[in-house]
Protein backbone atom coordinates (compact mmCIF):
# COMPACT_ATOMS: atom_id res chain seq x y z
CA UNK A 1 -42.17 7.06 42.42
CA UNK A 2 -38.49 6.89 43.31
CA UNK A 3 -36.36 10.02 43.40
CA UNK A 4 -32.73 10.64 42.50
CA UNK A 5 -30.62 11.88 45.40
CA UNK A 6 -26.96 12.85 45.52
CA UNK A 7 -25.28 11.72 48.74
CA UNK A 8 -22.23 13.60 50.02
CA UNK A 9 -19.90 10.74 50.98
CA UNK A 10 -16.87 11.63 53.09
CA UNK A 11 -15.71 8.03 53.52
CA UNK A 12 -16.88 7.92 57.14
CA UNK A 13 -19.55 5.85 58.85
CA UNK A 14 -22.12 8.65 59.01
CA UNK A 15 -22.30 9.39 55.29
CA UNK A 16 -22.10 5.64 54.55
CA UNK A 17 -25.24 4.98 56.58
CA UNK A 18 -26.94 8.07 55.13
CA UNK A 19 -26.36 6.58 51.67
CA UNK A 20 -27.60 3.16 52.79
CA UNK A 21 -30.81 4.66 54.15
CA UNK A 22 -31.50 6.49 50.87
CA UNK A 23 -30.97 3.23 48.96
CA UNK A 24 -33.09 1.23 51.41
CA UNK A 25 -36.16 3.41 50.86
CA UNK A 26 -35.99 2.73 47.13
CA UNK A 27 -34.53 5.97 45.82
CA UNK A 28 -31.61 6.17 43.41
CA UNK A 29 -28.57 7.36 45.31
CA UNK A 30 -25.52 8.81 43.58
CA UNK A 31 -22.44 9.09 45.78
CA UNK A 32 -20.12 12.08 45.44
CA UNK A 33 -16.95 12.65 47.43
CA UNK A 34 -15.77 16.24 47.37
CA UNK A 35 -11.99 16.37 47.31
CA UNK A 36 -11.36 19.62 49.14
CA UNK A 37 -8.30 20.17 51.24
CA UNK A 38 -5.39 18.36 49.62
CA UNK A 39 -2.99 15.73 50.87
CA UNK A 40 -2.61 17.02 54.46
CA UNK A 41 -6.29 16.64 55.20
CA UNK A 42 -7.74 13.80 57.27
CA UNK A 43 -11.16 14.44 55.79
CA UNK A 44 -12.27 14.31 52.17
CA UNK A 45 -8.83 12.96 51.19
CA UNK A 46 -8.21 10.49 48.38
CA UNK A 47 -7.97 7.66 50.95
CA UNK A 48 -11.40 8.62 52.23
CA UNK A 49 -12.64 8.68 48.65
CA UNK A 50 -11.51 5.06 48.27
CA UNK A 51 -13.50 4.11 51.39
CA UNK A 52 -16.55 5.92 50.02
CA UNK A 53 -16.14 4.23 46.62
CA UNK A 54 -16.14 0.78 48.24
CA UNK A 55 -19.30 1.55 50.21
CA UNK A 56 -21.02 2.91 47.09
CA UNK A 57 -20.11 -0.23 45.15
CA UNK A 58 -21.49 -2.41 47.93
CA UNK A 59 -24.75 -0.45 47.89
CA UNK A 60 -24.99 -0.55 44.08
CA UNK A 61 -24.59 3.20 43.67
CA UNK A 62 -22.97 5.27 40.99
CA UNK A 63 -19.99 7.11 42.49
CA UNK A 64 -17.89 10.14 41.57
CA UNK A 65 -15.06 12.20 43.05
CA UNK A 66 -15.38 15.94 42.49
CA UNK A 67 -12.24 18.06 42.80
CA UNK A 68 -12.94 21.36 44.53
CA UNK A 69 -9.49 22.03 45.96
CA UNK A 70 -9.05 25.43 44.29
CA UNK A 71 -12.52 26.65 45.21
CA UNK A 72 -12.00 25.38 48.77
CA UNK A 73 -8.75 27.31 49.02
CA UNK A 74 -10.36 30.54 47.82
CA UNK A 75 -13.61 30.23 49.78
CA UNK A 76 -12.54 28.50 53.00
CA UNK A 77 -8.82 28.16 53.77
CA UNK A 78 -7.61 31.63 52.74
CA UNK A 79 -10.46 33.38 54.61
CA UNK A 80 -9.57 31.17 57.59
CA UNK A 81 -6.00 32.48 57.56
CA UNK A 82 -7.13 36.07 57.01
CA UNK A 83 -9.48 35.84 59.98
CA UNK A 84 -6.70 34.70 62.33
CA UNK A 85 -4.48 37.52 61.10
CA UNK A 86 -7.32 39.96 61.86
CA UNK A 87 -7.48 38.72 65.46
CA UNK A 88 -10.55 36.57 64.99
CA UNK A 89 -11.20 32.87 65.64
CA UNK A 90 -12.89 31.47 62.50
CA UNK A 91 -15.08 28.39 62.05
CA UNK A 92 -14.39 27.14 58.52
CA UNK A 93 -16.86 24.25 58.89
CA UNK A 94 -19.78 26.70 58.59
CA UNK A 95 -18.54 28.09 55.27
CA UNK A 96 -17.74 24.58 54.04
CA UNK A 97 -21.19 23.24 54.83
CA UNK A 98 -23.03 26.15 53.28
CA UNK A 99 -20.88 26.81 50.20
CA UNK A 100 -19.84 23.27 49.31
CA UNK A 101 -22.41 20.81 50.63
CA UNK A 102 -25.45 22.91 49.77
CA UNK A 103 -24.27 25.20 46.96
CA UNK A 104 -21.56 23.54 44.86
CA UNK A 105 -22.76 20.00 45.45
CA UNK A 106 -26.37 20.96 44.83
CA UNK A 107 -25.35 22.45 41.48
CA UNK A 108 -23.68 19.17 40.59
CA UNK A 109 -26.72 17.24 41.79
CA UNK A 110 -28.92 19.08 39.34
CA UNK A 111 -26.54 18.15 36.51
CA UNK A 112 -27.31 14.54 37.50
CA UNK A 113 -31.03 15.28 37.41
CA UNK A 114 -31.32 15.23 41.23
CA UNK A 115 -33.06 17.89 43.30
CA UNK A 116 -31.88 16.68 46.72
CA UNK A 117 -28.56 16.37 48.51
CA UNK A 118 -28.33 13.97 51.47
CA UNK A 119 -25.53 14.23 54.03
CA UNK A 120 -24.44 12.48 57.20
CA UNK A 121 -25.12 15.50 59.40
CA UNK A 122 -26.95 14.99 62.66
CA UNK A 123 -29.80 17.46 62.16
CA UNK A 124 -33.48 17.45 61.23
CA UNK A 125 -35.70 19.43 58.86
CA UNK A 126 -39.48 19.69 58.99
CA UNK A 127 -42.21 22.17 58.11
CA UNK A 128 -43.84 24.55 60.56
CA UNK A 129 -47.56 23.64 60.55
CA UNK A 130 -48.54 27.27 61.22
CA UNK A 131 -46.33 29.18 58.77
CA UNK A 132 -45.58 26.47 56.21
CA UNK A 133 -41.89 27.41 56.38
CA UNK A 134 -39.15 24.83 56.72
CA UNK A 135 -37.50 24.52 60.12
CA UNK A 136 -33.97 23.40 60.99
CA UNK A 137 -34.11 21.40 64.21
CA UNK A 138 -31.52 19.83 66.46
CA UNK A 139 -30.82 16.11 66.08
CA UNK A 140 -32.37 13.62 68.45
CA UNK A 141 -28.86 12.74 69.65
CA UNK A 142 -28.04 16.01 71.41
CA UNK A 143 -24.40 15.02 71.86
CA UNK A 144 -23.91 14.65 68.08
CA UNK A 145 -26.13 17.55 66.99
CA UNK A 146 -24.46 19.60 64.21
CA UNK A 147 -26.95 22.41 63.71
CA UNK A 148 -24.40 24.89 65.09
CA UNK A 149 -22.56 24.52 61.76
CA UNK A 150 -25.72 24.71 59.62
CA UNK A 151 -27.35 27.93 60.84
CA UNK A 152 -26.65 29.72 57.55
CA UNK A 153 -28.89 27.46 55.43
CA UNK A 154 -31.84 29.30 53.90
CA UNK A 155 -35.26 28.04 52.87
CA UNK A 156 -34.14 27.00 49.38
CA UNK A 157 -31.16 25.08 50.73
CA UNK A 158 -33.25 23.36 53.40
CA UNK A 159 -35.75 22.35 50.73
CA UNK A 160 -32.94 20.54 48.90
CA UNK A 161 -31.31 19.04 52.03
CA UNK A 162 -31.85 15.62 53.55
CA UNK A 163 -30.42 14.48 56.88
CA UNK A 164 -31.16 10.74 57.11
CA UNK A 165 -29.41 10.43 60.49
CA UNK A 166 -31.38 13.11 62.32
CA UNK A 167 -33.44 10.65 64.35
CA UNK A 168 -30.56 8.27 65.13
CA UNK A 169 -27.87 8.14 67.78
CA UNK A 170 -24.24 7.55 66.88
CA UNK A 171 -24.41 4.06 68.38
CA UNK A 172 -27.43 3.25 66.22
CA UNK A 173 -25.59 4.50 63.14
CA UNK A 174 -22.58 2.29 63.84
CA UNK A 175 -24.82 -0.69 64.51
CA UNK A 176 -26.66 -0.20 61.21
CA UNK A 177 -23.34 0.02 59.38
CA UNK A 178 -22.09 -3.14 61.12
CA UNK A 179 -25.27 -5.06 60.28
CA UNK A 180 -24.94 -4.02 56.63
CA UNK A 181 -21.29 -5.10 56.59
CA UNK A 182 -20.07 -1.65 55.57
CA UNK A 183 -16.31 -1.37 55.87
CA UNK A 184 -16.57 2.04 57.55
CA UNK A 185 -18.65 0.82 60.50
CA UNK A 186 -15.77 1.04 63.01
CA UNK A 187 -13.81 3.84 61.33
CA UNK A 188 -12.82 6.48 63.91
CA UNK A 189 -14.13 9.99 63.38
CA UNK A 190 -12.03 13.12 63.32
CA UNK A 191 -12.89 16.03 65.60
CA UNK A 192 -10.40 18.32 63.89
CA UNK A 193 -10.72 20.90 61.15
CA UNK A 194 -10.05 18.85 58.05
CA UNK A 195 -7.15 20.94 56.73
CA UNK A 196 -5.53 21.27 60.18
CA UNK A 197 -4.96 17.56 60.90
CA UNK A 198 -2.40 18.08 63.66
CA UNK A 199 -4.23 20.96 65.36
CA UNK A 200 -1.49 23.48 64.53
CA UNK A 201 -3.61 26.39 63.27
CA UNK A 202 -0.72 28.85 63.35
CA UNK A 203 1.39 26.71 61.01
CA UNK A 204 -1.47 26.58 58.50
CA UNK A 205 -1.86 30.37 58.63
CA UNK A 206 1.88 30.81 58.08
CA UNK A 207 1.79 28.47 55.07
CA UNK A 208 -1.24 30.16 53.51
CA UNK A 209 -0.32 33.81 54.10
CA UNK A 210 3.46 34.06 54.67
CA UNK A 211 3.56 37.57 53.22
CA UNK A 212 0.91 38.86 55.66
CA UNK A 213 2.37 37.68 58.97
CA UNK A 214 2.54 40.59 61.45
CA UNK A 215 5.59 39.31 63.30
CA UNK A 216 6.31 39.55 67.03
CA UNK A 217 4.44 41.99 69.23
CA UNK A 218 3.58 42.89 72.79
CA UNK A 219 1.43 41.09 75.34
CA UNK A 220 -0.22 43.80 77.45
CA UNK A 221 -2.75 44.17 80.23
CA UNK A 222 -5.93 46.25 80.00
CA UNK A 223 -4.01 49.40 80.97
CA UNK A 224 -1.51 48.86 78.14
CA UNK A 225 1.41 47.83 80.35
CA UNK A 226 3.72 45.44 78.52
CA UNK A 227 3.94 42.04 80.25
CA UNK A 228 5.76 40.07 77.58
CA UNK A 229 6.18 39.36 73.88
CA UNK A 230 4.38 37.10 71.43
CA UNK A 231 5.46 35.47 68.16
CA UNK A 232 2.32 36.47 66.23
CA UNK A 233 -1.34 37.16 67.01
CA UNK A 234 -2.40 34.14 64.96
CA UNK A 235 -1.17 31.94 67.82
CA UNK A 236 -3.91 33.23 70.14
CA UNK A 237 -7.66 33.26 70.68
CA UNK A 238 -9.90 34.90 73.27
CA UNK A 239 -10.14 32.77 76.41
CA UNK A 240 -6.74 31.12 75.91
CA UNK A 241 -4.63 30.57 79.03
CA UNK A 242 -1.88 28.18 77.96
CA UNK A 243 1.07 29.21 75.84
CA UNK A 244 1.21 32.86 76.92
CA UNK A 245 4.80 32.55 78.09
CA UNK A 246 4.24 34.87 81.05
CA UNK A 247 5.80 34.18 84.41
CA UNK A 248 4.29 34.82 87.81
CA UNK A 249 1.56 33.23 89.86
CA UNK A 250 -1.39 35.08 88.32
CA UNK A 251 -3.62 33.04 86.02
CA UNK A 252 -3.98 35.26 82.98
CA UNK A 253 -6.18 34.77 79.92
CA UNK A 254 -6.36 36.36 76.49
CA UNK A 255 -9.22 38.86 76.74
CA UNK A 256 -8.87 40.48 73.31
CA UNK A 257 -6.58 40.67 70.30
CA UNK A 258 -5.66 44.08 68.88
CA UNK A 259 -4.64 43.27 65.32
CA UNK A 260 -4.16 46.93 64.36
CA UNK A 261 -1.41 47.33 67.00
CA UNK A 262 -0.26 43.71 66.88
CA UNK A 263 -1.06 43.27 70.57
CA UNK A 264 -2.45 40.44 72.66
CA UNK A 265 -4.39 41.76 75.66
CA UNK A 266 -4.61 39.61 78.79
CA UNK A 267 -6.51 39.83 82.05
CA UNK A 268 -8.10 37.92 84.90
CA UNK A 269 -10.65 35.17 84.36
CA UNK A 270 -13.46 37.51 85.42
CA UNK A 271 -12.49 39.87 82.60
CA UNK A 272 -13.75 37.29 80.10
CA UNK A 273 -17.36 37.63 81.28
CA UNK A 274 -19.71 39.78 79.21
CA UNK A 275 -23.47 40.50 79.35
CA UNK A 276 -23.93 41.40 75.67
CA UNK A 277 -22.63 40.09 72.36
CA UNK A 278 -22.56 42.01 69.09
CA UNK A 279 -23.38 39.63 66.24
CA UNK A 280 -22.95 40.54 62.57
CA UNK A 281 -23.83 39.05 59.18
CA UNK A 282 -26.87 37.42 60.78
CA UNK A 283 -28.91 34.90 58.80
CA UNK A 284 -32.43 33.86 59.75
CA UNK A 285 -33.72 30.44 58.74
CA UNK A 286 -37.21 31.83 58.15
CA UNK A 287 -35.82 34.60 55.95
CA UNK A 288 -36.63 37.46 58.33
CA UNK A 289 -35.70 38.51 61.85
CA UNK A 290 -37.99 37.91 64.81
CA UNK A 291 -39.50 40.84 66.68
CA UNK A 292 -37.23 42.94 68.87
CA UNK A 293 -36.94 41.46 72.34
CA UNK A 294 -37.55 37.89 71.17
CA UNK A 295 -36.32 35.25 73.57
CA UNK A 296 -33.82 32.59 72.50
CA UNK A 297 -31.14 30.26 73.77
CA UNK A 298 -27.79 31.22 72.29
CA UNK A 299 -24.81 28.98 71.70
CA UNK A 300 -21.52 30.86 71.32
CA UNK A 301 -19.30 27.81 70.75
CA UNK A 302 -20.03 24.37 69.39
CA UNK A 303 -19.96 22.66 72.79
CA UNK A 304 -21.35 25.64 74.67
CA UNK A 305 -24.51 25.07 76.69
CA UNK A 306 -27.07 27.45 75.11
CA UNK A 307 -27.55 30.53 77.29
CA UNK A 308 -30.95 32.26 77.69
CA UNK A 309 -30.95 35.68 76.09
CA UNK A 310 -32.99 38.49 74.56
CA UNK A 311 -32.40 39.33 70.88
CA UNK A 312 -32.41 42.88 69.52
CA UNK A 313 -32.06 42.72 65.71
CA UNK A 314 -30.97 45.94 64.04
CA UNK A 315 -29.64 47.29 60.74
CA UNK A 316 -26.02 46.59 61.70
CA UNK A 317 -26.56 43.14 63.20
CA UNK A 318 -28.11 41.74 66.35
CA UNK A 319 -27.39 42.56 69.97
CA UNK A 320 -27.67 39.51 72.23
CA UNK A 321 -28.49 40.42 75.84
CA UNK A 322 -27.75 37.40 78.03
CA UNK A 323 -29.67 36.74 81.23
CA UNK A 324 -26.34 35.94 82.89
CA UNK A 325 -22.86 36.89 81.75
CA UNK A 326 -21.24 34.59 79.21
CA UNK A 327 -17.54 33.78 79.17
CA UNK A 328 -15.04 34.23 76.34
CA UNK A 329 -17.03 35.76 73.49
CA UNK A 330 -14.43 35.27 70.77
CA UNK A 331 -14.80 37.42 67.63
CA UNK A 332 -15.13 35.18 64.59
CA UNK A 333 -17.00 32.41 66.40
CA UNK A 334 -20.65 31.81 65.57
CA UNK A 335 -23.54 32.76 67.81
CA UNK A 336 -26.46 30.48 66.97
CA UNK A 337 -29.98 31.24 68.17
CA UNK A 338 -32.33 28.44 69.23
CA UNK A 339 -35.92 28.28 70.38
CA UNK A 340 -36.22 24.87 71.97
CA UNK A 341 -34.77 22.50 69.39
CA UNK A 342 -35.43 24.86 66.47
CA UNK A 343 -32.64 26.96 64.95
CA UNK A 344 -33.83 30.53 64.44
CA UNK A 345 -30.62 31.68 62.82
CA UNK A 346 -27.18 32.90 63.71
CA UNK A 347 -24.24 35.08 62.81
CA UNK A 348 -20.65 35.93 63.68
CA UNK A 349 -19.56 37.37 66.99
CA UNK A 350 -18.05 40.82 66.38
CA UNK A 351 -17.28 41.56 70.02
CA UNK A 352 -18.58 41.81 73.57
């Protein structure tokens, strides 16, 4: 018996092929584009909605545009600005995926009488034969894998999620779209945060929270000696080398950001290395933490090669003890725990 599935359609090739694969297997697919970030966005914009609408019409699908701009502002963009002003480096794509793709959109899906939401993410879901629990697993195409942004999904959300592209490579997705004659088959993809289309994070923060800007402050070394001035801590992130405005021959990097004193602390490259990460607000895919001392591979940035580590879950978060020191642990970034290709969980880096 066919099922009814809502497909999150961004207007790109990935979600177009995800929709086509749902239709091809005989299920009823309903396309929904979530209008999120307003006119400056290069993702989920009204132009993208037009592309998605044309694909849906070609596939014989019902199609809707859902306006979530106010909710997106409150739940994603304002917390993004607040995080930068607190000296952190946020990843809004995690909050967007969890809150909008698998909370808000799932609520709308159930209004349509659908129990599933399909997306164009490169990820896989299956069931552990021993425990019966659902597992989030990396995509077959390791280069396109997006599980780093999905670590917060729980068992109920995974039960409602479908990732039709999980077994495909990007080239295979484009080829399927071309064979089907979908107009998005050669559409370029954006690697940027959707509401920061020109990469100028600081300008977005200044627009969103003009009243909260801390103003200029000092750039100091670890001993507190003043080396220069900065225009605002929201211009910096841990590990940054360019744009410090410091003279001299030494190669200096941002090693920490002291929001309370409006200071940017810099040091040598070796000062970025750390053996332990403190991770807070940890979520476990299985619903509970593994035993203390459990082994995992930990990714501390999206493109970071997972580093072998020992996990020590506790009441105030999880300590991650790396086998070898890891560079540039930036507060606000996600630390995602893997065992092979399975996502165990993840949380937010609080510090080194």
